[in-house]
Amino acid sequence: MKGLMLLLALLSLLGHSLAMAPVMAQSAPPSGRHGDGHAQNHDWYKELRQPDTGSRCCKGDADGKPGDCRPTQSFRGDDGFYRAWDGRQWLVVPKNKIISMPTPDRGVHLCETYGLVFCFITGDPSS
């Protein structure tokens, strides 16, 4: 009897997982492009500070070129460094620019301009 109940529970769980598969497959990964997704998180971004300088992450600048924050994709390379997609190329994230904290959408976020990373937010408090 216990075996039958376990089998039914597993089948139910599998059914729920399969029902969610089309929903999960429909959401596209963040583009990482400048401006994409910024407006949805602006109020959160404006409070972030660069870990090494204390300057703002949002609206930071390099040589007068404004940067901005947005959701992105990332991975950690074999060398231990994160790579973040800026919409054109994978940027190596300096370790002194990483902020390990939860994000509003539980994803990773990048603040940069012209390849210069101001902040990279992991979305994970334990990273």
C-alpha atoms as a PDB file:
ATOM      1  CA  MET A   1       0.000   0.000   0.000  1.00  0.00           C
ATOM      2  CA  LYS A   2       2.822   2.431   0.864  1.00  0.00           C
ATOM      3  CA  GLY A   3       4.480   1.620  -2.450  1.00  0.00           C
ATOM      4  CA  LEU A   4       1.286   2.463  -4.348  1.00  0.00           C
ATOM      5  CA  MET A   5       0.896   5.775  -2.482  1.00  0.00           C
ATOM      6  CA  LEU A   6       4.518   6.683  -3.245  1.00  0.00           C
ATOM      7  CA  LEU A   7       4.027   5.851  -6.924  1.00  0.00           C
ATOM      8  CA  LEU A   8       0.886   8.019  -7.097  1.00  0.00           C
ATOM      9  CA  ALA A   9       2.700  10.907  -5.397  1.00  0.00           C
ATOM     10  CA  LEU A  10       5.590  10.660  -7.858  1.00  0.00           C
ATOM     11  CA  LEU A  11       3.235  10.558 -10.844  1.00  0.00           C
ATOM     12  CA  SER A  12       1.412  13.613  -9.515  1.00  0.00           C
ATOM     13  CA  LEU A  13       4.695  15.488  -9.091  1.00  0.00           C
ATOM     14  CA  LEU A  14       5.794  14.508 -12.591  1.00  0.00           C
ATOM     15  CA  GLY A  15       2.476  15.721 -13.995  1.00  0.00           C
ATOM     16  CA  HIS A  16       2.889  19.124 -12.317  1.00  0.00           C
ATOM     17  CA  SER A  17       6.469  19.396 -13.592  1.00  0.00           C
ATOM     18  CA  LEU A  18       5.425  18.636 -17.153  1.00  0.00           C
ATOM     19  CA  ALA A  19       2.556  21.114 -16.926  1.00  0.00           C
ATOM     20  CA  MET A  20       5.035  23.868 -15.979  1.00  0.00           C
ATOM     21  CA  ALA A  21       7.524  23.022 -18.761  1.00  0.00           C
ATOM     22  CA  PRO A  22       5.777  25.080 -21.495  1.00  0.00           C
ATOM     23  CA  VAL A  23       5.568  28.102 -19.175  1.00  0.00           C
ATOM     24  CA  MET A  24       9.272  27.950 -18.323  1.00  0.00           C
ATOM     25  CA  ALA A  25      10.285  27.411 -21.944  1.00  0.00           C
ATOM     26  CA  GLN A  26       8.461  30.567 -23.062  1.00  0.00           C
ATOM     27  CA  SER A  27      10.515  33.087 -21.105  1.00  0.00           C
ATOM     28  CA  ALA A  28      13.544  34.274 -23.042  1.00  0.00           C
ATOM     29  CA  PRO A  29      16.839  34.896 -21.262  1.00  0.00           C
ATOM     30  CA  PRO A  30      17.758  38.539 -20.658  1.00  0.00           C
ATOM     31  CA  SER A  31      19.399  40.178 -23.678  1.00  0.00           C
ATOM     32  CA  GLY A  32      22.032  41.966 -21.576  1.00  0.00           C
ATOM     33  CA  ARG A  33      21.749  44.976 -23.922  1.00  0.00           C
ATOM     34  CA  HIS A  34      22.101  48.476 -22.544  1.00  0.00           C
ATOM     35  CA  GLY A  35      18.677  49.657 -21.364  1.00  0.00           C
ATOM     36  CA  ASP A  36      16.840  46.326 -21.617  1.00  0.00           C
ATOM     37  CA  GLY A  37      15.135  45.658 -18.290  1.00  0.00           C
ATOM     38  CA  HIS A  38      16.542  48.763 -16.608  1.00  0.00           C
ATOM     39  CA  ALA A  39      13.266  50.594 -16.040  1.00  0.00           C
ATOM     40  CA  GLN A  40      11.698  47.660 -14.196  1.00  0.00           C
ATOM     41  CA  ASN A  41      14.485  47.678 -11.601  1.00  0.00           C
ATOM     42  CA  HIS A  42      15.597  51.339 -11.564  1.00  0.00           C
ATOM     43  CA  ASP A  43      14.441  52.044  -8.014  1.00  0.00           C
ATOM     44  CA  TRP A  44      16.477  49.079  -6.795  1.00  0.00           C
ATOM     45  CA  TYR A  45      19.533  49.869  -8.959  1.00  0.00           C
ATOM     46  CA  LYS A  46      19.789  53.476  -7.779  1.00  0.00           C
ATOM     47  CA  GLU A  47      20.572  52.308  -4.230  1.00  0.00           C
ATOM     48  CA  LEU A  48      23.445  49.992  -5.249  1.00  0.00           C
ATOM     49  CA  ARG A  49      27.049  51.063  -4.627  1.00  0.00           C
ATOM     50  CA  GLN A  50      30.255  49.766  -6.162  1.00  0.00           C
ATOM     51  CA  PRO A  51      31.933  47.507  -3.600  1.00  0.00           C
ATOM     52  CA  ASP A  52      35.426  48.917  -4.140  1.00  0.00           C
ATOM     53  CA  THR A  53      34.738  52.663  -4.509  1.00  0.00           C
ATOM     54  CA  GLY A  54      31.348  53.347  -2.940  1.00  0.00           C
ATOM     55  CA  SER A  55      30.236  55.143  -6.120  1.00  0.00           C
ATOM     56  CA  ARG A  56      26.835  54.427  -7.596  1.00  0.00           C
ATOM     57  CA  CYS A  57      26.398  51.344  -9.757  1.00  0.00           C
ATOM     58  CA  CYS A  58      23.547  52.931 -11.703  1.00  0.00           C
ATOM     59  CA  LYS A  59      24.504  55.884 -13.879  1.00  0.00           C
ATOM     60  CA  GLY A  60      28.186  55.357 -13.249  1.00  0.00           C
ATOM     61  CA  ASP A  61      30.466  56.664 -15.955  1.00  0.00           C
ATOM     62  CA  ALA A  62      33.854  56.069 -17.489  1.00  0.00           C
ATOM     63  CA  ASP A  63      35.500  58.900 -19.403  1.00  0.00           C
ATOM     64  CA  GLY A  64      32.147  60.681 -19.545  1.00  0.00           C
ATOM     65  CA  LYS A  65      30.335  57.706 -21.114  1.00  0.00           C
ATOM     66  CA  PRO A  66      27.277  56.792 -19.023  1.00  0.00           C
ATOM     67  CA  GLY A  67      26.745  53.231 -17.929  1.00  0.00           C
ATOM     68  CA  ASP A  68      23.637  51.510 -16.787  1.00  0.00           C
ATOM     69  CA  CYS A  69      22.317  48.423 -15.030  1.00  0.00           C
ATOM     70  CA  ARG A  70      20.204  45.669 -16.458  1.00  0.00           C
ATOM     71  CA  PRO A  71      19.414  41.957 -16.133  1.00  0.00           C
ATOM     72  CA  THR A  72      21.838  39.717 -17.990  1.00  0.00           C
ATOM     73  CA  GLN A  73      23.168  36.207 -18.406  1.00  0.00           C
ATOM     74  CA  SER A  74      26.355  34.947 -16.824  1.00  0.00           C
ATOM     75  CA  PHE A  75      28.500  31.952 -16.085  1.00  0.00           C
ATOM     76  CA  ARG A  76      31.577  31.245 -14.017  1.00  0.00           C
ATOM     77  CA  GLY A  77      34.626  30.206 -16.005  1.00  0.00           C
ATOM     78  CA  ASP A  78      37.136  27.506 -15.133  1.00  0.00           C
ATOM     79  CA  ASP A  79      39.397  30.299 -13.862  1.00  0.00           C
ATOM     80  CA  GLY A  80      36.816  31.238 -11.199  1.00  0.00           C
ATOM     81  CA  PHE A  81      35.853  34.557 -12.826  1.00  0.00           C
ATOM     82  CA  TYR A  82      32.282  35.383 -13.747  1.00  0.00           C
ATOM     83  CA  ARG A  83      31.514  36.269 -17.354  1.00  0.00           C
ATOM     84  CA  ALA A  84      28.544  38.579 -17.972  1.00  0.00           C
ATOM     85  CA  TRP A  85      26.844  39.169 -21.330  1.00  0.00           C
ATOM     86  CA  ASP A  86      26.606  42.850 -22.270  1.00  0.00           C
ATOM     87  CA  GLY A  87      24.496  42.262 -25.370  1.00  0.00           C
ATOM     88  CA  ARG A  88      27.570  42.047 -27.629  1.00  0.00           C
ATOM     89  CA  GLN A  89      30.248  40.062 -25.841  1.00  0.00           C
ATOM     90  CA  TRP A  90      31.108  38.190 -22.655  1.00  0.00           C
ATOM     91  CA  LEU A  91      32.821  40.514 -20.174  1.00  0.00           C
ATOM     92  CA  VAL A  92      35.162  39.221 -17.483  1.00  0.00           C
ATOM     93  CA  VAL A  93      33.857  40.529 -14.159  1.00  0.00           C
ATOM     94  CA  PRO A  94      36.581  41.789 -11.797  1.00  0.00           C
ATOM     95  CA  LYS A  95      36.198  40.200  -8.368  1.00  0.00           C
ATOM     96  CA  ASN A  96      36.122  43.624  -6.689  1.00  0.00           C
ATOM     97  CA  LYS A  97      32.915  44.482  -8.607  1.00  0.00           C
ATOM     98  CA  ILE A  98      30.843  41.527  -7.402  1.00  0.00           C
ATOM     99  CA  ILE A  99      27.895  42.100  -5.088  1.00  0.00           C
ATOM    100  CA  SER A 100      26.485  38.870  -3.656  1.00  0.00           C
ATOM    101  CA  MET A 101      22.899  39.595  -2.723  1.00  0.00           C
ATOM    102  CA  PRO A 102      19.378  38.638  -3.744  1.00  0.00           C
ATOM    103  CA  THR A 103      17.905  40.510  -6.712  1.00  0.00           C
ATOM    104  CA  PRO A 104      14.242  41.392  -7.347  1.00  0.00           C
ATOM    105  CA  ASP A 105      13.930  38.751 -10.088  1.00  0.00           C
ATOM    106  CA  ARG A 106      16.460  36.285  -8.601  1.00  0.00           C
ATOM    107  CA  GLY A 107      18.600  36.700 -11.716  1.00  0.00           C
ATOM    108  CA  VAL A 108      22.001  38.270 -12.297  1.00  0.00           C
ATOM    109  CA  HIS A 109      22.420  41.955 -13.111  1.00  0.00           C
ATOM    110  CA  LEU A 110      25.215  43.941 -14.747  1.00  0.00           C
ATOM    111  CA  CYS A 111      26.081  47.631 -14.480  1.00  0.00           C
ATOM    112  CA  GLU A 112      28.655  48.694 -17.082  1.00  0.00           C
ATOM    113  CA  THR A 113      29.574  50.972 -19.949  1.00  0.00           C
ATOM    114  CA  TYR A 114      31.728  50.189 -22.962  1.00  0.00           C
ATOM    115  CA  GLY A 115      33.017  47.004 -21.354  1.00  0.00           C
ATOM    116  CA  LEU A 116      33.909  48.604 -18.016  1.00  0.00           C
ATOM    117  CA  VAL A 117      32.035  46.772 -15.248  1.00  0.00           C
ATOM    118  CA  PHE A 118      30.836  48.916 -12.337  1.00  0.00           C
ATOM    119  CA  CYS A 119      28.837  46.234 -10.529  1.00  0.00           C
ATOM    120  CA  PHE A 120      27.815  42.640 -11.041  1.00  0.00           C
ATOM    121  CA  ILE A 121      25.017  41.378  -8.801  1.00  0.00           C
ATOM    122  CA  THR A 122      24.894  37.608  -8.451  1.00  0.00           C
ATOM    123  CA  GLY A 123      21.324  37.250  -7.208  1.00  0.00           C
ATOM    124  CA  ASP A 124      22.655  34.758  -4.665  1.00  0.00           C
ATOM    125  CA  PRO A 125      23.681  35.814  -1.161  1.00  0.00           C
ATOM    126  CA  SER A 126      26.140  32.928  -0.839  1.00  0.00           C
ATOM    127  CA  SER A 127      28.144  33.313  -4.075  1.00  0.00           C
END
